[in-house]
Amino acid sequence: MTDVTTGEQDASWAEGLALRPQRRSRRVAMTPAEIDEYLASQRTCRVATAGPGGPHLTALWYVWANGRVWLYSIVGSQRWTDLTRDGRVAVLVDDGHDYFELRGVEIRGRAVPVGEAPRGVDPDAPEVAELVEPERLFAAKYFGGDRMFHDKRHAWLRVDPEKISSWDFRKMSQPSA
């Protein structure tokens, strides 16, 4: 993550994780610090789940905190149903228009519900320490504030990565015209 006081990247989340190695060309792979910066700068991810009728793919806002993707999902959604039944998930964040601008991060792992589901129903629910940072980041990123709004329909899913693949085609040299 980026230290907001110094602007320096802290990719310590990558240390000690038993992630499967990336098989794609390491020449275009992002470093852990580049992954941090990229995931913090993007707004929308695509979330793929496995449901009884087959794959389910949706776009969703997210935050990247402490080496985890945090999804704020509607509890009554197909995504929530799928992930509470089978936590396997793939999350994709990508962008770029031209070929040599393409970049992205794919995270495969397990989604785990964290905290009250849905959030905000019980005003006496204890604060969940693990949610303090994701909620602060989410509120700042999407609502321009420092306080999370709970609509009594959403709850948090933490994606614990098992494999992270990345690519940044801007690292390749473009052919001469």
Protein backbone atom coordinates (compact mmCIF):
# COMPACT_ATOMS: atom_id res chain seq x y z
CA MET A 1 0.00 0.00 0.00
CA THR A 2 1.06 3.59 -0.31
CA ASP A 3 2.02 5.41 2.86
CA VAL A 4 -0.12 8.54 2.60
CA THR A 5 2.39 10.60 4.58
CA THR A 6 5.49 9.72 2.53
CA GLY A 7 4.03 8.41 -0.74
CA GLU A 8 6.29 5.35 -0.52
CA GLN A 9 5.10 1.90 -1.53
CA ASP A 10 4.98 -0.84 1.10
CA ALA A 11 4.66 -4.20 -0.62
CA SER A 12 5.32 -6.19 2.54
CA TRP A 13 2.05 -8.05 1.91
CA ALA A 14 3.95 -10.10 -0.69
CA GLU A 15 6.55 -11.35 1.79
CA GLY A 16 5.82 -14.78 3.19
CA LEU A 17 2.73 -15.43 1.06
CA ALA A 18 2.73 -18.90 -0.42
CA LEU A 19 1.57 -17.68 -3.81
CA ARG A 20 1.89 -19.92 -6.82
CA PRO A 21 4.49 -18.45 -9.21
CA GLN A 22 3.37 -16.56 -12.28
CA ARG A 23 3.97 -18.48 -15.49
CA ARG A 24 3.39 -15.59 -17.87
CA SER A 25 6.37 -13.75 -19.21
CA ARG A 26 8.17 -12.24 -16.26
CA ARG A 27 9.31 -9.50 -18.62
CA VAL A 28 5.87 -7.87 -18.46
CA ALA A 29 5.00 -8.88 -14.89
CA MET A 30 4.46 -6.09 -12.36
CA THR A 31 6.49 -5.91 -9.17
CA PRO A 32 4.61 -6.08 -5.84
CA ALA A 33 4.97 -2.28 -5.51
CA GLU A 34 3.60 -1.79 -9.05
CA ILE A 35 0.67 -4.11 -8.23
CA ASP A 36 -0.05 -2.05 -5.10
CA GLU A 37 0.00 1.23 -7.03
CA TYR A 38 -2.06 -0.13 -9.91
CA LEU A 39 -4.78 -1.76 -7.77
CA ALA A 40 -5.05 1.35 -5.59
CA SER A 41 -5.54 3.55 -8.68
CA GLN A 42 -8.26 1.53 -10.43
CA ARG A 43 -11.95 1.67 -9.51
CA THR A 44 -13.71 -1.37 -10.94
CA CYS A 45 -12.90 -5.06 -10.90
CA ARG A 46 -14.59 -8.05 -12.46
CA VAL A 47 -15.45 -10.88 -10.09
CA ALA A 48 -15.90 -14.45 -11.36
CA THR A 49 -17.65 -17.01 -9.16
CA ALA A 50 -18.71 -20.62 -9.63
CA GLY A 51 -22.44 -21.17 -9.31
CA PRO A 52 -24.60 -24.24 -9.78
CA GLY A 53 -25.51 -23.07 -13.28
CA GLY A 54 -21.93 -22.29 -14.27
CA PRO A 55 -19.66 -19.25 -14.06
CA HIS A 56 -21.05 -15.89 -12.93
CA LEU A 57 -19.17 -12.68 -13.81
CA THR A 58 -19.92 -9.21 -12.42
CA ALA A 59 -18.32 -5.80 -12.19
CA LEU A 60 -17.83 -4.38 -8.72
CA TRP A 61 -16.08 -1.63 -6.81
CA TYR A 62 -13.26 -2.83 -4.57
CA VAL A 63 -10.33 -1.77 -2.46
CA TRP A 64 -6.87 -3.28 -2.15
CA ALA A 65 -5.64 -3.31 1.44
CA ASN A 66 -2.84 -5.28 3.07
CA GLY A 67 -2.42 -7.62 0.11
CA ARG A 68 -6.11 -8.50 -0.07
CA VAL A 69 -8.97 -7.51 -2.34
CA TRP A 70 -11.98 -6.29 -0.36
CA LEU A 71 -15.37 -6.51 -2.07
CA TYR A 72 -18.43 -4.69 -0.72
CA SER A 73 -21.18 -6.93 -2.06
CA ILE A 74 -24.96 -6.97 -1.86
CA VAL A 75 -25.82 -9.86 0.46
CA GLY A 76 -28.78 -10.93 -1.69
CA SER A 77 -26.76 -11.10 -4.91
CA GLN A 78 -25.86 -14.19 -6.91
CA ARG A 79 -22.20 -13.35 -6.26
CA TRP A 80 -22.71 -13.46 -2.47
CA THR A 81 -24.68 -16.70 -2.73
CA ASP A 82 -22.00 -18.31 -4.90
CA LEU A 83 -19.11 -17.20 -2.69
CA THR A 84 -20.69 -18.28 0.59
CA ARG A 85 -21.35 -21.70 -0.98
CA ASP A 86 -17.96 -22.02 -2.70
CA GLY A 87 -15.34 -19.41 -1.84
CA ARG A 88 -13.25 -19.90 -4.97
CA VAL A 89 -13.02 -16.63 -6.87
CA ALA A 90 -11.11 -14.85 -9.62
CA VAL A 91 -10.82 -11.06 -9.61
CA LEU A 92 -9.61 -9.16 -12.65
CA VAL A 93 -8.59 -5.51 -12.86
CA ASP A 94 -7.33 -4.39 -16.26
CA ASP A 95 -7.13 -1.40 -18.56
CA GLY A 96 -5.54 -0.10 -21.73
CA HIS A 97 -6.80 0.77 -25.17
CA ASP A 98 -3.93 -0.04 -27.52
CA TYR A 99 -1.97 -3.29 -27.33
CA PHE A 100 1.15 -1.70 -25.84
CA GLU A 101 -0.98 0.00 -23.15
CA LEU A 102 -2.60 -3.21 -21.83
CA ARG A 103 -1.99 -3.97 -18.18
CA GLY A 104 -3.80 -5.77 -15.44
CA VAL A 105 -3.83 -8.01 -12.41
CA GLU A 106 -5.68 -11.29 -11.98
CA ILE A 107 -6.10 -12.59 -8.45
CA ARG A 108 -7.28 -16.13 -7.80
CA GLY A 109 -8.10 -17.15 -4.30
CA ARG A 110 -10.79 -17.63 -1.69
CA ALA A 111 -13.44 -15.15 -0.61
CA VAL A 112 -14.33 -15.02 3.08
CA PRO A 113 -17.19 -12.98 4.59
CA VAL A 114 -15.92 -10.55 7.26
CA GLY A 115 -18.07 -8.76 9.82
CA GLU A 116 -21.79 -8.35 10.10
CA ALA A 117 -23.83 -9.41 7.05
CA PRO A 118 -25.38 -7.12 6.06
CA ARG A 119 -23.49 -4.20 7.60
CA GLY A 120 -25.45 -1.63 9.58
CA VAL A 121 -28.43 -3.75 10.62
CA ASP A 122 -27.32 -4.08 14.24
CA PRO A 123 -26.32 -0.65 15.64
CA ASP A 124 -24.76 -2.42 18.64
CA ALA A 125 -22.59 -4.74 16.53
CA PRO A 126 -18.97 -4.52 17.69
CA GLU A 127 -16.46 -2.82 15.43
CA VAL A 128 -14.46 -5.31 13.43
CA ALA A 129 -10.80 -4.25 13.58
CA GLU A 130 -10.02 -5.99 10.29
CA LEU A 131 -12.53 -3.74 8.48
CA VAL A 132 -11.21 -0.38 9.69
CA GLU A 133 -8.68 0.06 6.86
CA PRO A 134 -10.82 -1.33 4.00
CA GLU A 135 -13.77 0.84 5.04
CA ARG A 136 -11.59 3.94 5.33
CA LEU A 137 -10.11 3.30 1.87
CA PHE A 138 -13.50 2.53 0.33
CA ALA A 139 -15.11 5.68 1.76
CA ALA A 140 -12.24 7.84 0.48
CA LYS A 141 -12.07 6.20 -2.94
CA TYR A 142 -15.77 6.14 -3.81
CA PHE A 143 -17.49 8.68 -1.56
CA GLY A 144 -14.73 11.26 -1.06
CA GLY A 145 -14.97 11.04 2.71
CA ASP A 146 -13.48 9.24 5.67
CA ARG A 147 -16.60 7.52 6.94
CA MET A 148 -18.23 4.41 5.50
CA PHE A 149 -21.96 4.47 4.84
CA HIS A 150 -23.79 1.20 5.60
CA ASP A 151 -27.05 0.70 3.71
CA LYS A 152 -28.08 -2.55 5.43
CA ARG A 153 -27.80 -4.43 2.10
CA HIS A 154 -24.04 -4.84 1.67
CA ALA A 155 -21.35 -6.78 3.50
CA TRP A 156 -17.62 -7.37 3.11
CA LEU A 157 -15.86 -10.21 1.37
CA ARG A 158 -12.09 -10.51 1.81
CA VAL A 159 -10.29 -12.24 -1.05
CA ASP A 160 -7.24 -14.14 0.17
CA PRO A 161 -4.95 -14.54 -2.85
CA GLU A 162 -3.57 -17.93 -3.81
CA LYS A 163 -2.15 -16.75 -7.13
CA ILE A 164 -1.54 -13.27 -8.51
CA SER A 165 -0.73 -12.80 -12.20
CA SER A 166 0.04 -9.42 -13.68
CA TRP A 167 1.04 -7.87 -16.96
CA ASP A 168 2.08 -4.45 -18.15
CA PHE A 169 2.64 -4.39 -21.89
CA ARG A 170 4.03 -0.88 -21.58
CA LYS A 171 7.27 -2.64 -20.53
CA MET A 172 7.65 -4.11 -24.01
CA SER A 173 9.35 -2.19 -26.75
CA GLN A 174 7.02 -1.17 -29.55
CA PRO A 175 7.93 -2.08 -33.13
CA SER A 176 9.19 0.77 -35.29
CA ALA A 177 6.64 2.31 -37.63
